[in-house]
Amino acid sequence: MTYSGIDSGRTALVTGASRGIGYGIAEAFVARGDRVCITGRNEEALKGAVDRLGADRVIGVAGKAHDEAHQAVAVGRAMEVFGRLDFLVNNAGTNPVLGPIADLDLGVARKVFETNVISALGFAQRTWHAWQKENGGAIVNIASIAGVSASPFIGAYGISKAAMINLTLQLAHEMAPGVRVNAIAPAVVRTRFAQGLYEGREQEVVAAYPLGRLGVPEDIGGAAAFLTSAQAEWVTGQTLVVDGGMFLNSGVH
């Protein structure tokens, strides 16, 4: 997608957007004319993403999502450069461990929650006070189908994403009517982050999807663009499952 040449007058902050799903979302926003602040841990990767998206419309702020100082800098920088912050997409996440949770190191569990859930709340709070409380807007939290079903291989991640879905409900209730808050729950999307879930056995994984393929970042970008658009002005507190039809195969056979 490329910039349409139309300036929407709106601004978005997308966390974890130097690549993958976050980049796909930022790209969709830029294409419709938004200005975007993206964040990411790696400054060099972030700069490359800004250059590809268009440095005339996009800025990057490097840092770790769970770092409160970084949250303050990112929101402050977006307000300083763009003067407003209509949309927030909490996409930054981590999944440092694979396997069952019965023997999971609790320190790892804390890290997962700190990055995947607490950081999202922190960004939402700062965006609310900086702009949205007085001016309205929308928030999209990137959850996962792991948050709405048992996922033994990525249990800690799934628990954190279930918490993200409930966070969405709480924020939607508290921030109404001016701010709409929704979540997206993707299935496996072809990204470096999710490689461990399909690498070396992609055809086996794809067989579970009625639509015959894994997701791509553009699929989630389109969903986020919809949830932050005028067409979704009566939608809040919802979790949009974007799964290529995978749950269609979960019934009785």
Protein backbone atom coordinates (compact mmCIF):
# COMPACT_ATOMS: atom_id res chain seq x y z
CA MET A 1 0.00 0.00 0.00
CA THR A 2 1.17 3.50 -0.74
CA TYR A 3 0.14 6.92 0.45
CA SER A 4 -3.08 7.99 -1.27
CA GLY A 5 -2.15 11.67 -1.36
CA ILE A 6 -5.12 12.48 0.88
CA ASP A 7 -4.38 13.92 4.31
CA SER A 8 -6.92 12.61 6.81
CA GLY A 9 -5.84 15.08 9.47
CA ARG A 10 -5.64 12.19 11.94
CA THR A 11 -2.68 10.80 13.84
CA ALA A 12 -1.96 7.30 15.16
CA LEU A 13 0.57 5.72 17.49
CA VAL A 14 1.39 2.07 16.71
CA THR A 15 3.64 0.17 19.11
CA GLY A 16 5.98 -2.56 17.96
CA ALA A 17 5.77 -1.42 14.36
CA SER A 18 9.25 -1.73 12.87
CA ARG A 19 8.13 -4.97 11.19
CA GLY A 20 5.41 -7.61 11.13
CA ILE A 21 1.84 -6.89 12.14
CA GLY A 22 2.64 -3.47 13.57
CA TYR A 23 4.29 -2.39 10.33
CA GLY A 24 1.29 -3.67 8.35
CA ILE A 25 -1.03 -1.58 10.50
CA ALA A 26 1.12 1.53 10.19
CA GLU A 27 1.23 1.02 6.43
CA ALA A 28 -2.58 0.83 6.25
CA PHE A 29 -2.91 4.04 8.25
CA VAL A 30 -0.41 5.90 6.10
CA ALA A 31 -2.18 4.68 2.95
CA ARG A 32 -5.44 6.29 4.05
CA GLY A 33 -3.73 9.58 4.87
CA ASP A 34 -2.95 9.37 8.58
CA ARG A 35 0.27 10.53 10.15
CA VAL A 36 1.84 7.87 12.34
CA CYS A 37 4.28 7.54 15.21
CA ILE A 38 5.74 4.03 15.39
CA THR A 39 7.75 2.45 18.18
CA GLY A 40 10.15 -0.48 18.38
CA ARG A 41 13.11 -1.73 20.38
CA ASN A 42 15.70 -1.63 17.60
CA GLU A 43 16.54 1.91 16.53
CA GLU A 44 18.08 0.87 13.21
CA ALA A 45 15.11 -1.31 12.25
CA LEU A 46 12.77 1.48 13.27
CA LYS A 47 14.59 3.99 11.10
CA GLY A 48 14.32 1.63 8.13
CA ALA A 49 10.59 1.29 8.70
CA VAL A 50 10.16 5.07 8.86
CA ASP A 51 12.08 5.46 5.58
CA ARG A 52 9.91 2.85 3.84
CA LEU A 53 6.65 4.28 5.15
CA GLY A 54 7.67 7.87 4.36
CA ALA A 55 9.58 10.13 6.71
CA ASP A 56 7.34 13.02 5.70
CA ARG A 57 4.39 11.29 7.40
CA VAL A 58 5.94 8.93 9.94
CA ILE A 59 8.20 9.32 12.97
CA GLY A 60 9.82 6.62 15.07
CA VAL A 61 10.55 6.48 18.80
CA ALA A 62 12.83 3.65 19.90
CA GLY A 63 12.41 1.95 23.26
CA LYS A 64 10.97 -0.98 25.16
CA ALA A 65 7.18 -1.01 25.38
CA HIS A 66 7.08 -1.83 29.10
CA ASP A 67 9.38 1.09 29.97
CA GLU A 68 7.18 3.86 31.39
CA ALA A 69 9.72 6.51 30.41
CA HIS A 70 9.55 5.27 26.82
CA GLN A 71 5.75 5.38 26.89
CA ALA A 72 5.88 9.00 28.03
CA VAL A 73 8.43 9.95 25.37
CA ALA A 74 6.51 8.24 22.56
CA VAL A 75 3.17 9.87 23.40
CA GLY A 76 4.85 13.21 24.05
CA ARG A 77 6.76 13.09 20.78
CA ALA A 78 3.59 12.26 18.80
CA MET A 79 1.82 15.21 20.37
CA GLU A 80 4.81 17.50 19.83
CA VAL A 81 5.19 16.66 16.14
CA PHE A 82 1.57 16.10 15.09
CA GLY A 83 -0.40 18.07 17.70
CA ARG A 84 -2.97 15.31 18.24
CA LEU A 85 -3.27 11.56 18.87
CA ASP A 86 -6.52 10.11 17.56
CA PHE A 87 -5.65 6.43 17.44
CA LEU A 88 -3.56 4.06 19.53
CA VAL A 89 -2.71 0.51 18.46
CA ASN A 90 -1.17 -1.62 21.20
CA ASN A 91 0.70 -4.17 19.12
CA ALA A 92 4.02 -4.60 20.94
CA GLY A 93 4.32 -8.05 22.45
CA THR A 94 6.67 -10.83 23.44
CA ASN A 95 6.62 -14.61 23.65
CA PRO A 96 10.02 -15.67 24.99
CA VAL A 97 9.04 -19.22 25.91
CA LEU A 98 7.33 -22.15 24.21
CA GLY A 99 5.83 -25.12 26.00
CA PRO A 100 3.43 -25.93 28.87
CA ILE A 101 2.97 -23.60 31.83
CA ALA A 102 3.09 -26.23 34.62
CA ASP A 103 6.84 -25.63 35.01
CA LEU A 104 6.99 -22.10 33.62
CA ASP A 105 9.48 -19.79 35.32
CA LEU A 106 7.40 -17.12 37.03
CA GLY A 107 9.92 -14.47 36.11
CA VAL A 108 9.25 -15.23 32.46
CA ALA A 109 5.50 -15.05 33.10
CA ARG A 110 5.92 -11.61 34.66
CA LYS A 111 7.93 -10.43 31.66
CA VAL A 112 5.21 -11.61 29.27
CA PHE A 113 2.50 -9.78 31.22
CA GLU A 114 4.62 -6.65 31.66
CA THR A 115 5.21 -6.37 27.92
CA ASN A 116 1.91 -7.66 26.56
CA VAL A 117 -0.61 -6.25 29.04
CA ILE A 118 0.78 -3.64 31.42
CA SER A 119 2.48 -1.73 28.61
CA ALA A 120 -0.83 -1.59 26.71
CA LEU A 121 -2.54 -0.13 29.76
CA GLY A 122 0.26 2.40 30.18
CA PHE A 123 0.06 3.59 26.58
CA ALA A 124 -3.75 3.78 26.82
CA GLN A 125 -3.57 5.88 29.97
CA ARG A 126 -1.06 8.31 28.49
CA THR A 127 -2.94 8.62 25.19
CA TRP A 128 -6.17 9.23 27.09
CA HIS A 129 -4.72 12.06 29.15
CA ALA A 130 -2.73 13.58 26.28
CA TRP A 131 -5.58 13.84 23.77
CA GLN A 132 -8.42 11.34 23.75
CA LYS A 133 -10.13 12.28 27.01
CA GLU A 134 -11.05 15.71 25.64
CA ASN A 135 -11.10 14.98 21.92
CA GLY A 136 -12.12 11.36 21.42
CA GLY A 137 -10.57 8.69 19.26
CA ALA A 138 -10.10 4.93 19.13
CA ILE A 139 -7.83 2.26 20.58
CA VAL A 140 -7.12 -1.14 19.05
CA ASN A 141 -5.43 -3.86 21.12
CA ILE A 142 -3.77 -6.70 19.24
CA ALA A 143 -4.75 -9.86 21.07
CA SER A 144 -4.62 -13.40 19.62
CA ILE A 145 -6.77 -16.45 19.09
CA ALA A 146 -4.53 -17.89 21.82
CA GLY A 147 -6.47 -15.62 24.15
CA VAL A 148 -9.85 -17.17 23.31
CA SER A 149 -8.86 -20.84 23.27
CA ALA A 150 -6.44 -23.23 24.93
CA SER A 151 -2.98 -22.97 23.39
CA PRO A 152 -0.70 -25.38 25.29
CA PHE A 153 2.39 -24.63 23.22
CA ILE A 154 2.16 -20.88 23.93
CA GLY A 155 0.22 -20.91 27.20
CA ALA A 156 1.81 -17.89 28.89
CA TYR A 157 1.30 -15.82 25.76
CA GLY A 158 -2.33 -16.98 25.52
CA ILE A 159 -3.07 -16.03 29.12
CA SER A 160 -1.64 -12.56 28.53
CA LYS A 161 -3.76 -12.14 25.41
CA ALA A 162 -6.89 -13.21 27.32
CA ALA A 163 -6.02 -10.43 29.77
CA MET A 164 -5.64 -8.06 26.81
CA ILE A 165 -9.17 -8.92 25.69
CA ASN A 166 -10.55 -8.15 29.14
CA LEU A 167 -8.50 -4.95 29.24
CA THR A 168 -10.26 -4.01 26.02
CA LEU A 169 -13.65 -4.47 27.70
CA GLN A 170 -12.66 -2.42 30.75
CA LEU A 171 -11.26 0.45 28.70
CA ALA A 172 -14.23 0.42 26.32
CA HIS A 173 -16.58 0.78 29.28
CA GLU A 174 -14.59 3.49 31.05
CA MET A 175 -13.66 5.57 28.00
CA ALA A 176 -17.08 5.67 26.35
CA PRO A 177 -18.64 7.57 24.73
CA GLY A 178 -15.71 9.54 23.34
CA VAL A 179 -13.23 6.72 22.78
CA ARG A 180 -13.97 3.36 21.20
CA VAL A 181 -11.79 0.43 22.25
CA ASN A 182 -11.66 -2.86 20.36
CA ALA A 183 -9.31 -5.80 19.93
CA ILE A 184 -8.16 -7.96 17.05
CA ALA A 185 -7.41 -11.64 17.65
CA PRO A 186 -5.33 -12.97 14.75
CA ALA A 187 -4.49 -16.58 14.07
CA VAL A 188 -0.99 -17.33 12.80
CA VAL A 189 0.32 -14.47 10.70
CA ARG A 190 3.42 -14.91 8.55
CA THR A 191 5.93 -12.84 10.53
CA ARG A 192 9.31 -13.37 12.12
CA PHE A 193 7.62 -13.23 15.52
CA ALA A 194 5.42 -16.24 14.70
CA GLN A 195 7.96 -18.30 12.75
CA GLY A 196 8.23 -20.91 15.48
CA LEU A 197 4.57 -21.78 14.99
CA TYR A 198 4.85 -22.74 11.33
CA GLU A 199 8.48 -22.91 10.18
CA GLY A 200 9.32 -26.27 8.65
CA ARG A 201 5.70 -27.48 8.72
CA GLU A 202 3.79 -24.73 6.99
CA GLN A 203 1.62 -27.00 4.85
CA GLU A 204 0.54 -28.92 7.93
CA VAL A 205 -0.41 -25.68 9.68
CA VAL A 206 -2.16 -24.23 6.63
CA ALA A 207 -4.33 -27.37 6.40
CA ALA A 208 -6.22 -26.13 9.46
CA TYR A 209 -7.29 -22.94 7.68
CA PRO A 210 -10.37 -23.12 5.41
CA LEU A 211 -9.10 -20.08 3.48
CA GLY A 212 -5.98 -22.04 2.59
CA ARG A 213 -3.18 -19.77 3.80
CA LEU A 214 -1.58 -18.14 6.81
CA GLY A 215 -2.37 -14.53 7.56
CA VAL A 216 -0.19 -11.67 6.39
CA PRO A 217 0.35 -8.33 8.13
CA GLU A 218 -1.89 -6.57 5.59
CA ASP A 219 -4.84 -8.67 6.82
CA ILE A 220 -4.48 -7.21 10.29
CA GLY A 221 -3.75 -3.75 8.91
CA GLY A 222 -7.09 -3.79 7.11
CA ALA A 223 -8.92 -4.85 10.26
CA ALA A 224 -7.26 -2.11 12.32
CA ALA A 225 -8.06 0.48 9.65
CA PHE A 226 -11.72 -0.55 9.79
CA LEU A 227 -11.93 -0.43 13.60
CA THR A 228 -10.49 3.10 13.61
CA SER A 229 -12.70 4.33 10.76
CA ALA A 230 -16.02 6.14 10.61
CA GLN A 231 -17.59 2.88 9.42
CA ALA A 232 -16.97 1.41 12.90
CA GLU A 233 -18.36 4.33 14.92
CA TRP A 234 -20.94 2.06 16.62
CA VAL A 235 -18.45 -0.69 17.46
CA THR A 236 -16.73 -0.83 20.85
CA GLY A 237 -15.71 -3.47 23.35
CA GLN A 238 -15.45 -6.12 20.64
CA THR A 239 -12.78 -8.64 19.72
CA LEU A 240 -12.58 -9.20 15.97
CA VAL A 241 -11.24 -12.68 15.24
CA VAL A 242 -9.17 -12.68 12.05
CA ASP A 243 -8.28 -16.33 11.63
CA GLY A 244 -8.70 -17.45 8.02
CA GLY A 245 -11.67 -19.51 9.18
CA MET A 246 -9.64 -21.69 11.54
CA PHE A 247 -12.35 -21.84 14.19
CA LEU A 248 -14.72 -23.29 11.60
CA ASN A 249 -12.82 -26.55 12.05
CA SER A 250 -13.31 -26.67 15.82
CA GLY A 251 -16.82 -28.12 15.84
CA VAL A 252 -17.96 -31.73 16.07
CA HIS A 253 -16.61 -33.93 13.25
